[in-house]
Amino acid sequence: MGPTVEVFADPICPFCYVALERADWLEQRFGATLRWRPFDLHPEYPPEGIPREVLLARYGPDMQAAVKRMFEEAGLPAADLPPRVPNSRRAQRVAISAGERFGELYRRYSEAYFGRGRDIGDDEVIVEEAIAGGLDEESVRGVLAGDAYLDVLLSETQLAIETGATGVPAWIIDGGVLVPGAQPHEVFERVLGRLQYA
């Protein structure tokens, strides 16, 4: 029996995109059961997002190159990103509305943004990706029309913080051990080895 791994993540976080590869590897290597959970990484972003230049000015060009290299090393496609960094709340609320299929929708939005360069802050993109992920258009538009599931997003974020997560991805192994960040495989090997998973 493999470990149960909960992953708090936000689809606009580049390290959370890399976490997709880490999650797949954990499933294959350890037979892990993955459970994705939402996290509101940038509650300060306005609904329309922020200009990408603001982010580049904050982190510098070296960060952009390092992120691209990280994607390549993880074997993940890297698209040219939209001119605005989206606020992910609306996409995450739609993903939460999918219930047990949250992880599938989360992955879809993360891959749409980083892998295909789609603006997941745009309602039409959110709807298209949700329909492609098997959700009903009318119910998706219903979620976007109000604040449905915002309370879940905020309470999940608070729970992650209370668990000790200072950022994402945050991995909670078997309900107790917190592993922060997009750690390399070796770190997970050590942690899971200590927890008696071979």
N, C-alpha and C. Protein backbone atom coordinates (compact mmCIF):
# COMPACT_ATOMS: atom_id res chain seq x y z
N MET A 1 0.86 -1.20 0.00
CA MET A 1 0.00 0.00 0.00
C MET A 1 0.90 1.25 0.00
N GLY A 2 0.66 2.14 -0.94
CA GLY A 2 1.50 3.33 -1.05
C GLY A 2 1.01 4.46 -0.16
N PRO A 3 1.78 5.53 -0.09
CA PRO A 3 1.41 6.68 0.74
C PRO A 3 0.24 7.46 0.15
N THR A 4 -0.44 8.18 1.03
CA THR A 4 -1.45 9.14 0.58
C THR A 4 -0.79 10.51 0.60
N VAL A 5 -0.83 11.19 -0.53
CA VAL A 5 -0.15 12.48 -0.66
C VAL A 5 -1.16 13.53 -1.08
N GLU A 6 -1.34 14.54 -0.20
CA GLU A 6 -2.19 15.68 -0.54
C GLU A 6 -1.30 16.81 -1.03
N VAL A 7 -1.70 17.46 -2.09
CA VAL A 7 -0.90 18.54 -2.67
C VAL A 7 -1.73 19.81 -2.75
N PHE A 8 -1.34 20.81 -1.97
CA PHE A 8 -1.95 22.13 -2.09
C PHE A 8 -1.23 22.87 -3.21
N ALA A 9 -1.99 23.43 -4.15
CA ALA A 9 -1.37 24.05 -5.32
C ALA A 9 -2.27 25.10 -5.95
N ASP A 10 -1.64 26.01 -6.70
CA ASP A 10 -2.35 27.05 -7.45
C ASP A 10 -1.90 26.93 -8.91
N PRO A 11 -2.84 26.88 -9.86
CA PRO A 11 -2.44 26.65 -11.26
C PRO A 11 -1.63 27.77 -11.91
N ILE A 12 -1.48 28.93 -11.26
CA ILE A 12 -0.63 29.97 -11.86
C ILE A 12 0.78 29.96 -11.24
N CYS A 13 1.06 28.98 -10.39
CA CYS A 13 2.38 28.87 -9.75
C CYS A 13 3.27 27.95 -10.58
N PRO A 14 4.42 28.44 -11.07
CA PRO A 14 5.28 27.60 -11.92
C PRO A 14 5.79 26.36 -11.20
N PHE A 15 6.04 26.47 -9.90
CA PHE A 15 6.52 25.32 -9.14
C PHE A 15 5.43 24.26 -9.00
N CYS A 16 4.17 24.71 -9.01
CA CYS A 16 3.03 23.78 -8.97
C CYS A 16 2.87 23.07 -10.30
N TYR A 17 3.27 23.74 -11.38
CA TYR A 17 3.25 23.08 -12.69
C TYR A 17 4.26 21.93 -12.69
N VAL A 18 5.45 22.19 -12.15
CA VAL A 18 6.47 21.14 -12.03
C VAL A 18 5.96 20.01 -11.13
N ALA A 19 5.11 20.38 -10.16
CA ALA A 19 4.55 19.37 -9.24
C ALA A 19 3.72 18.33 -9.99
N LEU A 20 3.22 18.64 -11.18
CA LEU A 20 2.49 17.64 -11.97
C LEU A 20 3.39 16.45 -12.29
N GLU A 21 4.63 16.76 -12.68
CA GLU A 21 5.59 15.69 -12.98
C GLU A 21 5.95 14.93 -11.71
N ARG A 22 6.18 15.66 -10.61
CA ARG A 22 6.53 15.00 -9.34
C ARG A 22 5.40 14.07 -8.89
N ALA A 23 4.15 14.53 -9.06
CA ALA A 23 2.99 13.72 -8.66
C ALA A 23 2.92 12.43 -9.47
N ASP A 24 3.11 12.54 -10.78
CA ASP A 24 3.08 11.36 -11.64
C ASP A 24 4.18 10.37 -11.23
N TRP A 25 5.35 10.91 -10.91
CA TRP A 25 6.48 10.08 -10.49
C TRP A 25 6.18 9.39 -9.16
N LEU A 26 5.58 10.10 -8.21
CA LEU A 26 5.23 9.51 -6.91
C LEU A 26 4.24 8.36 -7.08
N GLU A 27 3.31 8.52 -8.02
CA GLU A 27 2.34 7.45 -8.28
C GLU A 27 3.06 6.21 -8.82
N GLN A 28 3.97 6.44 -9.77
CA GLN A 28 4.67 5.31 -10.40
C GLN A 28 5.70 4.68 -9.45
N ARG A 29 6.45 5.52 -8.75
CA ARG A 29 7.56 5.02 -7.92
C ARG A 29 7.08 4.40 -6.61
N PHE A 30 6.09 5.00 -5.99
CA PHE A 30 5.67 4.56 -4.66
C PHE A 30 4.22 4.06 -4.59
N GLY A 31 3.51 4.09 -5.72
CA GLY A 31 2.10 3.72 -5.69
C GLY A 31 1.29 4.70 -4.86
N ALA A 32 1.73 5.96 -4.87
CA ALA A 32 1.07 6.98 -4.05
C ALA A 32 -0.34 7.28 -4.56
N THR A 33 -1.23 7.58 -3.63
CA THR A 33 -2.56 8.08 -3.96
C THR A 33 -2.50 9.59 -3.81
N LEU A 34 -2.70 10.32 -4.92
CA LEU A 34 -2.58 11.77 -4.91
C LEU A 34 -3.94 12.43 -4.73
N ARG A 35 -3.98 13.45 -3.91
CA ARG A 35 -5.19 14.24 -3.78
C ARG A 35 -4.80 15.72 -3.87
N TRP A 36 -5.22 16.35 -4.97
CA TRP A 36 -4.91 17.76 -5.18
C TRP A 36 -5.89 18.62 -4.37
N ARG A 37 -5.37 19.71 -3.79
CA ARG A 37 -6.22 20.62 -3.02
C ARG A 37 -5.92 22.06 -3.44
N PRO A 38 -6.95 22.91 -3.45
CA PRO A 38 -6.75 24.28 -3.93
C PRO A 38 -6.01 25.17 -2.93
N PHE A 39 -5.35 26.19 -3.47
CA PHE A 39 -4.64 27.18 -2.66
C PHE A 39 -4.68 28.50 -3.40
N ASP A 40 -5.01 29.56 -2.69
CA ASP A 40 -5.09 30.90 -3.29
C ASP A 40 -3.76 31.62 -3.06
N LEU A 41 -2.84 31.48 -4.00
CA LEU A 41 -1.48 31.99 -3.83
C LEU A 41 -1.40 33.51 -3.87
N HIS A 42 -2.22 34.13 -4.71
CA HIS A 42 -2.15 35.59 -4.85
C HIS A 42 -3.51 36.25 -4.66
N PRO A 43 -4.02 36.25 -3.43
CA PRO A 43 -5.32 36.88 -3.19
C PRO A 43 -5.31 38.39 -3.46
N GLU A 44 -4.09 38.95 -3.52
CA GLU A 44 -3.98 40.40 -3.77
C GLU A 44 -4.16 40.76 -5.24
N TYR A 45 -4.11 39.80 -6.15
CA TYR A 45 -4.28 40.10 -7.56
C TYR A 45 -5.72 40.55 -7.82
N PRO A 46 -5.90 41.62 -8.62
CA PRO A 46 -7.26 42.01 -8.98
C PRO A 46 -7.89 40.94 -9.89
N PRO A 47 -9.21 40.93 -10.03
CA PRO A 47 -9.87 39.90 -10.85
C PRO A 47 -9.32 39.80 -12.26
N GLU A 48 -8.87 40.92 -12.81
CA GLU A 48 -8.37 40.90 -14.20
C GLU A 48 -6.90 40.49 -14.29
N GLY A 49 -6.27 40.21 -13.13
CA GLY A 49 -4.86 39.82 -13.13
C GLY A 49 -3.94 41.03 -13.12
N ILE A 50 -2.64 40.77 -13.32
CA ILE A 50 -1.66 41.87 -13.34
C ILE A 50 -0.82 41.78 -14.61
N PRO A 51 -0.30 42.92 -15.09
CA PRO A 51 0.57 42.87 -16.29
C PRO A 51 1.81 42.02 -16.00
N ARG A 52 2.21 41.22 -16.96
CA ARG A 52 3.37 40.34 -16.76
C ARG A 52 4.64 41.14 -16.45
N GLU A 53 4.74 42.35 -16.99
CA GLU A 53 5.94 43.17 -16.72
C GLU A 53 6.13 43.40 -15.22
N VAL A 54 5.02 43.51 -14.49
CA VAL A 54 5.11 43.74 -13.04
C VAL A 54 5.81 42.55 -12.37
N LEU A 55 5.45 41.36 -12.81
CA LEU A 55 6.05 40.14 -12.26
C LEU A 55 7.53 40.05 -12.66
N LEU A 56 7.82 40.36 -13.92
CA LEU A 56 9.20 40.29 -14.40
C LEU A 56 10.08 41.31 -13.68
N ALA A 57 9.51 42.49 -13.41
CA ALA A 57 10.26 43.52 -12.68
C ALA A 57 10.54 43.06 -11.25
N ARG A 58 9.60 42.34 -10.67
CA ARG A 58 9.74 41.87 -9.29
C ARG A 58 10.80 40.78 -9.16
N TYR A 59 10.79 39.83 -10.10
CA TYR A 59 11.68 38.66 -9.98
C TYR A 59 12.89 38.68 -10.90
N GLY A 60 12.85 39.53 -11.94
CA GLY A 60 13.99 39.65 -12.83
C GLY A 60 14.04 38.57 -13.91
N PRO A 61 14.83 38.81 -14.97
CA PRO A 61 14.90 37.88 -16.11
C PRO A 61 15.52 36.53 -15.74
N ASP A 62 16.40 36.52 -14.73
CA ASP A 62 17.04 35.26 -14.33
C ASP A 62 16.00 34.25 -13.85
N MET A 63 15.00 34.75 -13.15
CA MET A 63 13.94 33.88 -12.63
C MET A 63 13.20 33.20 -13.78
N GLN A 64 12.91 33.99 -14.81
CA GLN A 64 12.18 33.46 -15.97
C GLN A 64 12.97 32.33 -16.63
N ALA A 65 14.27 32.52 -16.78
CA ALA A 65 15.14 31.51 -17.39
C ALA A 65 15.20 30.26 -16.51
N ALA A 66 15.28 30.47 -15.20
CA ALA A 66 15.36 29.35 -14.26
C ALA A 66 14.07 28.52 -14.30
N VAL A 67 12.94 29.21 -14.41
CA VAL A 67 11.64 28.52 -14.46
C VAL A 67 11.54 27.69 -15.74
N LYS A 68 11.97 28.30 -16.85
CA LYS A 68 11.91 27.58 -18.14
C LYS A 68 12.79 26.32 -18.10
N ARG A 69 13.97 26.47 -17.49
CA ARG A 69 14.90 25.34 -17.36
C ARG A 69 14.27 24.23 -16.50
N MET A 70 13.60 24.66 -15.42
CA MET A 70 12.93 23.71 -14.52
C MET A 70 11.85 22.92 -15.26
N PHE A 71 11.10 23.60 -16.13
CA PHE A 71 10.07 22.92 -16.93
C PHE A 71 10.71 21.89 -17.86
N GLU A 72 11.79 22.31 -18.52
CA GLU A 72 12.48 21.42 -19.46
C GLU A 72 13.00 20.17 -18.76
N GLU A 73 13.60 20.37 -17.58
CA GLU A 73 14.15 19.25 -16.82
C GLU A 73 13.05 18.28 -16.40
N ALA A 74 11.85 18.81 -16.17
CA ALA A 74 10.72 17.96 -15.76
C ALA A 74 10.01 17.36 -16.98
N GLY A 75 10.48 17.72 -18.19
CA GLY A 75 9.88 17.17 -19.41
C GLY A 75 8.50 17.76 -19.70
N LEU A 76 8.27 18.99 -19.23
CA LEU A 76 6.96 19.62 -19.41
C LEU A 76 7.00 20.65 -20.54
N PRO A 77 5.95 20.72 -21.35
CA PRO A 77 5.92 21.76 -22.39
C PRO A 77 5.84 23.14 -21.77
N ALA A 78 6.50 24.10 -22.41
CA ALA A 78 6.50 25.48 -21.90
C ALA A 78 6.10 26.42 -23.02
N ALA A 79 4.93 27.03 -22.88
CA ALA A 79 4.41 27.95 -23.90
C ALA A 79 4.80 29.39 -23.57
N ASP A 80 4.64 30.27 -24.55
CA ASP A 80 4.74 31.70 -24.27
C ASP A 80 3.50 32.07 -23.47
N LEU A 81 3.71 32.72 -22.33
CA LEU A 81 2.58 33.01 -21.44
C LEU A 81 1.84 34.27 -21.87
N PRO A 82 0.56 34.37 -21.51
CA PRO A 82 -0.22 35.56 -21.89
C PRO A 82 0.34 36.83 -21.26
N PRO A 83 0.01 38.00 -21.84
CA PRO A 83 0.59 39.26 -21.35
C PRO A 83 0.16 39.63 -19.92
N ARG A 84 -0.95 39.05 -19.46
CA ARG A 84 -1.36 39.29 -18.08
C ARG A 84 -1.23 38.01 -17.27
N VAL A 85 -0.75 38.16 -16.02
CA VAL A 85 -0.72 37.02 -15.10
C VAL A 85 -2.12 36.93 -14.50
N PRO A 86 -2.83 35.82 -14.73
CA PRO A 86 -4.23 35.77 -14.30
C PRO A 86 -4.40 35.63 -12.80
N ASN A 87 -5.56 36.07 -12.34
CA ASN A 87 -6.04 35.72 -11.01
C ASN A 87 -6.67 34.34 -11.19
N SER A 88 -6.26 33.36 -10.39
CA SER A 88 -6.70 31.98 -10.62
C SER A 88 -7.98 31.60 -9.87
N ARG A 89 -8.54 32.53 -9.11
CA ARG A 89 -9.69 32.18 -8.26
C ARG A 89 -10.86 31.59 -9.04
N ARG A 90 -11.16 32.19 -10.18
CA ARG A 90 -12.35 31.74 -10.93
C ARG A 90 -12.15 30.32 -11.48
N ALA A 91 -10.97 30.07 -12.03
CA ALA A 91 -10.67 28.72 -12.54
C ALA A 91 -10.68 27.71 -11.39
N GLN A 92 -10.12 28.10 -10.25
CA GLN A 92 -10.08 27.16 -9.12
C GLN A 92 -11.49 26.89 -8.57
N ARG A 93 -12.34 27.90 -8.56
CA ARG A 93 -13.72 27.67 -8.08
C ARG A 93 -14.45 26.69 -8.99
N VAL A 94 -14.21 26.81 -10.30
CA VAL A 94 -14.82 25.86 -11.24
C VAL A 94 -14.26 24.46 -10.99
N ALA A 95 -12.95 24.37 -10.79
CA ALA A 95 -12.34 23.06 -10.52
C ALA A 95 -12.91 22.45 -9.23
N ILE A 96 -13.11 23.27 -8.20
CA ILE A 96 -13.68 22.78 -6.94
C ILE A 96 -15.10 22.26 -7.17
N SER A 97 -15.83 22.91 -8.08
CA SER A 97 -17.21 22.48 -8.36
C SER A 97 -17.26 21.07 -8.95
N ALA A 98 -16.11 20.58 -9.45
CA ALA A 98 -16.06 19.23 -10.03
C ALA A 98 -15.98 18.15 -8.96
N GLY A 99 -15.92 18.54 -7.69
CA GLY A 99 -15.91 17.58 -6.59
C GLY A 99 -14.68 16.70 -6.61
N GLU A 100 -14.88 15.38 -6.65
CA GLU A 100 -13.76 14.45 -6.60
C GLU A 100 -12.86 14.54 -7.84
N ARG A 101 -13.36 15.21 -8.87
CA ARG A 101 -12.56 15.38 -10.09
C ARG A 101 -11.76 16.68 -10.07
N PHE A 102 -11.69 17.30 -8.89
CA PHE A 102 -10.93 18.56 -8.77
C PHE A 102 -9.52 18.41 -9.37
N GLY A 103 -8.82 17.32 -9.03
CA GLY A 103 -7.45 17.13 -9.50
C GLY A 103 -7.32 17.15 -11.01
N GLU A 104 -8.29 16.53 -11.68
CA GLU A 104 -8.27 16.50 -13.15
C GLU A 104 -8.41 17.92 -13.72
N LEU A 105 -9.35 18.67 -13.13
CA LEU A 105 -9.58 20.03 -13.63
C LEU A 105 -8.43 20.94 -13.27
N TYR A 106 -7.88 20.75 -12.06
CA TYR A 106 -6.71 21.53 -11.65
C TYR A 106 -5.58 21.33 -12.67
N ARG A 107 -5.30 20.08 -12.97
CA ARG A 107 -4.23 19.76 -13.92
C ARG A 107 -4.50 20.39 -15.28
N ARG A 108 -5.75 20.34 -15.70
CA ARG A 108 -6.15 20.89 -16.99
C ARG A 108 -5.84 22.39 -17.05
N TYR A 109 -6.18 23.13 -15.97
CA TYR A 109 -5.92 24.58 -15.96
C TYR A 109 -4.42 24.89 -15.88
N SER A 110 -3.70 24.11 -15.11
CA SER A 110 -2.25 24.32 -15.00
C SER A 110 -1.57 24.09 -16.34
N GLU A 111 -1.94 23.00 -17.01
CA GLU A 111 -1.36 22.69 -18.32
C GLU A 111 -1.80 23.70 -19.38
N ALA A 112 -3.04 24.17 -19.28
CA ALA A 112 -3.53 25.17 -20.24
C ALA A 112 -2.70 26.45 -20.14
N TYR A 113 -2.40 26.84 -18.90
CA TYR A 113 -1.66 28.10 -18.68
C TYR A 113 -0.19 27.96 -19.08
N PHE A 114 0.51 27.06 -18.44
CA PHE A 114 1.96 26.96 -18.68
C PHE A 114 2.31 26.18 -19.94
N GLY A 115 1.52 25.17 -20.26
CA GLY A 115 1.85 24.32 -21.40
C GLY A 115 1.30 24.81 -22.73
N ARG A 116 0.19 25.58 -22.65
CA ARG A 116 -0.44 26.04 -23.90
C ARG A 116 -0.61 27.55 -23.96
N GLY A 117 -0.16 28.26 -22.94
CA GLY A 117 -0.18 29.73 -22.95
C GLY A 117 -1.55 30.36 -22.93
N ARG A 118 -2.53 29.66 -22.33
CA ARG A 118 -3.90 30.19 -22.28
C ARG A 118 -4.11 31.02 -21.02
N ASP A 119 -4.92 32.05 -21.13
CA ASP A 119 -5.22 32.93 -20.01
C ASP A 119 -6.35 32.32 -19.18
N ILE A 120 -5.99 31.64 -18.09
CA ILE A 120 -7.01 30.96 -17.29
C ILE A 120 -7.73 31.91 -16.32
N GLY A 121 -7.54 33.22 -16.55
CA GLY A 121 -8.34 34.20 -15.83
C GLY A 121 -9.51 34.67 -16.69
N ASP A 122 -9.51 34.25 -17.95
CA ASP A 122 -10.54 34.65 -18.91
C ASP A 122 -11.70 33.66 -18.83
N ASP A 123 -12.90 34.17 -18.63
CA ASP A 123 -14.07 33.30 -18.44
C ASP A 123 -14.26 32.31 -19.58
N GLU A 124 -14.07 32.76 -20.83
CA GLU A 124 -14.31 31.86 -21.96
C GLU A 124 -13.29 30.72 -21.98
N VAL A 125 -12.05 31.02 -21.62
CA VAL A 125 -11.02 29.99 -21.53
C VAL A 125 -11.37 29.01 -20.40
N ILE A 126 -11.80 29.55 -19.27
CA ILE A 126 -12.20 28.71 -18.13
C ILE A 126 -13.31 27.75 -18.55
N VAL A 127 -14.31 28.29 -19.26
CA VAL A 127 -15.45 27.47 -19.70
C VAL A 127 -14.99 26.41 -20.70
N GLU A 128 -14.19 26.81 -21.69
CA GLU A 128 -13.72 25.86 -22.72
C GLU A 128 -12.94 24.70 -22.10
N GLU A 129 -12.04 25.04 -21.19
CA GLU A 129 -11.23 24.00 -20.55
C GLU A 129 -12.10 23.09 -19.67
N ALA A 130 -13.07 23.68 -19.01
CA ALA A 130 -13.96 22.88 -18.14
C ALA A 130 -14.80 21.91 -18.97
N ILE A 131 -15.33 22.40 -20.11
CA ILE A 131 -16.13 21.53 -20.99
C ILE A 131 -15.24 20.40 -21.53
N ALA A 132 -14.02 20.76 -21.94
CA ALA A 132 -13.08 19.74 -22.45
C ALA A 132 -12.76 18.73 -21.35
N GLY A 133 -12.85 19.17 -20.09
CA GLY A 133 -12.61 18.29 -18.95
C GLY A 133 -13.86 17.55 -18.49
N GLY A 134 -14.96 17.70 -19.24
CA GLY A 134 -16.15 16.92 -18.97
C GLY A 134 -17.21 17.59 -18.12
N LEU A 135 -17.05 18.89 -17.84
CA LEU A 135 -18.08 19.58 -17.05
C LEU A 135 -19.15 20.16 -17.97
N ASP A 136 -20.28 20.43 -17.38
CA ASP A 136 -21.44 20.96 -18.10
C ASP A 136 -21.33 22.48 -18.21
N GLU A 137 -21.48 23.01 -19.44
CA GLU A 137 -21.30 24.45 -19.66
C GLU A 137 -22.19 25.30 -18.77
N GLU A 138 -23.45 24.92 -18.67
CA GLU A 138 -24.39 25.73 -17.90
C GLU A 138 -23.99 25.81 -16.43
N SER A 139 -23.58 24.68 -15.86
CA SER A 139 -23.20 24.70 -14.45
C SER A 139 -21.90 25.49 -14.24
N VAL A 140 -20.98 25.41 -15.20
CA VAL A 140 -19.73 26.18 -15.10
C VAL A 140 -20.03 27.67 -15.13
N ARG A 141 -20.90 28.08 -16.06
CA ARG A 141 -21.25 29.51 -16.14
C ARG A 141 -21.98 29.94 -14.87
N GLY A 142 -22.75 29.03 -14.29
CA GLY A 142 -23.42 29.33 -13.03
C GLY A 142 -22.43 29.60 -11.91
N VAL A 143 -21.35 28.82 -11.85
CA VAL A 143 -20.30 29.02 -10.84
C VAL A 143 -19.64 30.38 -11.06
N LEU A 144 -19.35 30.71 -12.33
CA LEU A 144 -18.66 31.97 -12.64
C LEU A 144 -19.54 33.20 -12.40
N ALA A 145 -20.85 33.00 -12.41
CA ALA A 145 -21.76 34.15 -12.25
C ALA A 145 -21.80 34.69 -10.81
N GLY A 146 -21.31 33.90 -9.86
CA GLY A 146 -21.35 34.36 -8.46
C GLY A 146 -20.04 34.06 -7.75
N ASP A 147 -20.14 33.79 -6.45
CA ASP A 147 -18.95 33.50 -5.65
C ASP A 147 -18.93 32.05 -5.17
N ALA A 148 -19.67 31.18 -5.86
CA ALA A 148 -19.75 29.78 -5.44
C ALA A 148 -18.35 29.19 -5.25
N TYR A 149 -18.17 28.46 -4.16
CA TYR A 149 -16.94 27.72 -3.82
C TYR A 149 -15.77 28.61 -3.42
N LEU A 150 -15.97 29.93 -3.36
CA LEU A 150 -14.89 30.80 -2.88
C LEU A 150 -14.58 30.47 -1.42
N ASP A 151 -15.63 30.18 -0.63
CA ASP A 151 -15.42 29.85 0.78
C ASP A 151 -14.55 28.60 0.92
N VAL A 152 -14.72 27.62 0.01
CA VAL A 152 -13.91 26.40 0.05
C VAL A 152 -12.46 26.73 -0.28
N LEU A 153 -12.25 27.53 -1.31
CA LEU A 153 -10.89 27.93 -1.70
C LEU A 153 -10.19 28.63 -0.55
N LEU A 154 -10.88 29.55 0.11
CA LEU A 154 -10.27 30.31 1.20
C LEU A 154 -10.01 29.43 2.42
N SER A 155 -10.94 28.53 2.73
CA SER A 155 -10.74 27.68 3.91
C SER A 155 -9.64 26.65 3.66
N GLU A 156 -9.53 26.14 2.43
CA GLU A 156 -8.45 25.21 2.10
C GLU A 156 -7.09 25.92 2.20
N THR A 157 -7.05 27.16 1.72
CA THR A 157 -5.81 27.95 1.80
C THR A 157 -5.41 28.15 3.25
N GLN A 158 -6.38 28.51 4.08
CA GLN A 158 -6.13 28.72 5.50
C GLN A 158 -5.64 27.43 6.17
N LEU A 159 -6.24 26.32 5.80
CA LEU A 159 -5.85 25.02 6.36
C LEU A 159 -4.40 24.71 6.01
N ALA A 160 -4.02 24.96 4.76
CA ALA A 160 -2.64 24.71 4.34
C ALA A 160 -1.67 25.56 5.16
N ILE A 161 -2.01 26.83 5.37
CA ILE A 161 -1.15 27.74 6.14
C ILE A 161 -1.03 27.24 7.58
N GLU A 162 -2.16 26.82 8.16
CA GLU A 162 -2.15 26.32 9.54
C GLU A 162 -1.34 25.03 9.66
N THR A 163 -1.25 24.28 8.57
CA THR A 163 -0.47 23.03 8.55
C THR A 163 1.02 23.33 8.47
N GLY A 164 1.37 24.58 8.16
CA GLY A 164 2.77 24.98 8.09
C GLY A 164 3.25 25.36 6.71
N ALA A 165 2.36 25.31 5.72
CA ALA A 165 2.75 25.66 4.36
C ALA A 165 2.91 27.17 4.24
N THR A 166 4.07 27.60 3.77
CA THR A 166 4.30 29.03 3.56
C THR A 166 4.22 29.38 2.08
N GLY A 167 4.07 28.36 1.25
CA GLY A 167 3.93 28.55 -0.19
C GLY A 167 3.48 27.24 -0.81
N VAL A 168 3.44 27.20 -2.13
CA VAL A 168 3.00 25.99 -2.80
C VAL A 168 3.99 25.63 -3.92
N PRO A 169 4.04 24.35 -4.32
CA PRO A 169 3.22 23.26 -3.81
C PRO A 169 3.61 22.87 -2.39
N ALA A 170 2.62 22.42 -1.63
CA ALA A 170 2.86 21.90 -0.29
C ALA A 170 2.32 20.48 -0.26
N TRP A 171 3.18 19.55 0.04
CA TRP A 171 2.86 18.12 0.01
C TRP A 171 2.66 17.63 1.44
N ILE A 172 1.52 17.04 1.72
CA ILE A 172 1.28 16.48 3.05
C ILE A 172 1.22 14.96 2.87
N ILE A 173 2.18 14.28 3.46
CA ILE A 173 2.28 12.83 3.28
C ILE A 173 1.65 12.11 4.47
N ASP A 174 0.70 11.24 4.18
CA ASP A 174 0.00 10.45 5.20
C ASP A 174 -0.56 11.31 6.33
N GLY A 175 -1.03 12.50 5.96
CA GLY A 175 -1.70 13.37 6.92
C GLY A 175 -0.80 14.03 7.94
N GLY A 176 0.54 13.83 7.84
CA GLY A 176 1.38 14.38 8.89
C GLY A 176 2.66 15.06 8.47
N VAL A 177 3.33 14.55 7.44
CA VAL A 177 4.66 15.08 7.08
C VAL A 177 4.52 16.10 5.95
N LEU A 178 5.00 17.32 6.20
CA LEU A 178 4.93 18.39 5.20
C LEU A 178 6.23 18.48 4.43
N VAL A 179 6.14 18.40 3.11
CA VAL A 179 7.30 18.62 2.24
C VAL A 179 6.99 19.86 1.42
N PRO A 180 7.75 20.96 1.61
CA PRO A 180 7.46 22.19 0.88
C PRO A 180 8.15 22.25 -0.48
N GLY A 181 7.47 22.81 -1.47
CA GLY A 181 8.09 23.13 -2.75
C GLY A 181 8.14 22.01 -3.77
N ALA A 182 8.67 22.36 -4.94
CA ALA A 182 8.82 21.39 -6.04
C ALA A 182 10.16 20.68 -5.87
N GLN A 183 10.24 19.86 -4.83
CA GLN A 183 11.50 19.21 -4.49
C GLN A 183 11.91 18.19 -5.55
N PRO A 184 13.22 17.97 -5.69
CA PRO A 184 13.66 16.93 -6.62
C PRO A 184 13.27 15.54 -6.11
N HIS A 185 13.30 14.57 -7.00
CA HIS A 185 12.92 13.20 -6.65
C HIS A 185 13.67 12.68 -5.42
N GLU A 186 14.97 13.04 -5.30
CA GLU A 186 15.80 12.51 -4.21
C GLU A 186 15.24 12.88 -2.84
N VAL A 187 14.67 14.08 -2.74
CA VAL A 187 14.11 14.51 -1.46
C VAL A 187 12.93 13.62 -1.08
N PHE A 188 12.06 13.36 -2.06
CA PHE A 188 10.92 12.47 -1.79
C PHE A 188 11.40 11.05 -1.48
N GLU A 189 12.46 10.61 -2.15
CA GLU A 189 13.02 9.28 -1.87
C GLU A 189 13.44 9.19 -0.40
N ARG A 190 14.13 10.25 0.09
CA ARG A 190 14.60 10.24 1.48
C ARG A 190 13.44 10.27 2.46
N VAL A 191 12.48 11.18 2.21
CA VAL A 191 11.35 11.32 3.13
C VAL A 191 10.53 10.03 3.18
N LEU A 192 10.22 9.49 2.02
CA LEU A 192 9.39 8.28 1.98
C LEU A 192 10.15 7.05 2.46
N GLY A 193 11.48 7.08 2.31
CA GLY A 193 12.30 6.00 2.86
C GLY A 193 12.24 6.00 4.39
N ARG A 194 12.30 7.20 4.97
CA ARG A 194 12.19 7.32 6.43
C ARG A 194 10.81 6.88 6.92
N LEU A 195 9.81 7.04 6.06
CA LEU A 195 8.45 6.63 6.43
C LEU A 195 8.20 5.16 6.09
N GLN A 196 9.30 4.44 5.76
CA GLN A 196 9.23 2.99 5.51
C GLN A 196 8.57 2.61 4.19
N TYR A 197 8.58 3.53 3.23
CA TYR A 197 8.12 3.15 1.88
C TYR A 197 9.37 2.87 1.05
N ALA A 198 9.44 1.69 0.49
CA ALA A 198 10.65 1.32 -0.26
C ALA A 198 10.51 1.70 -1.72
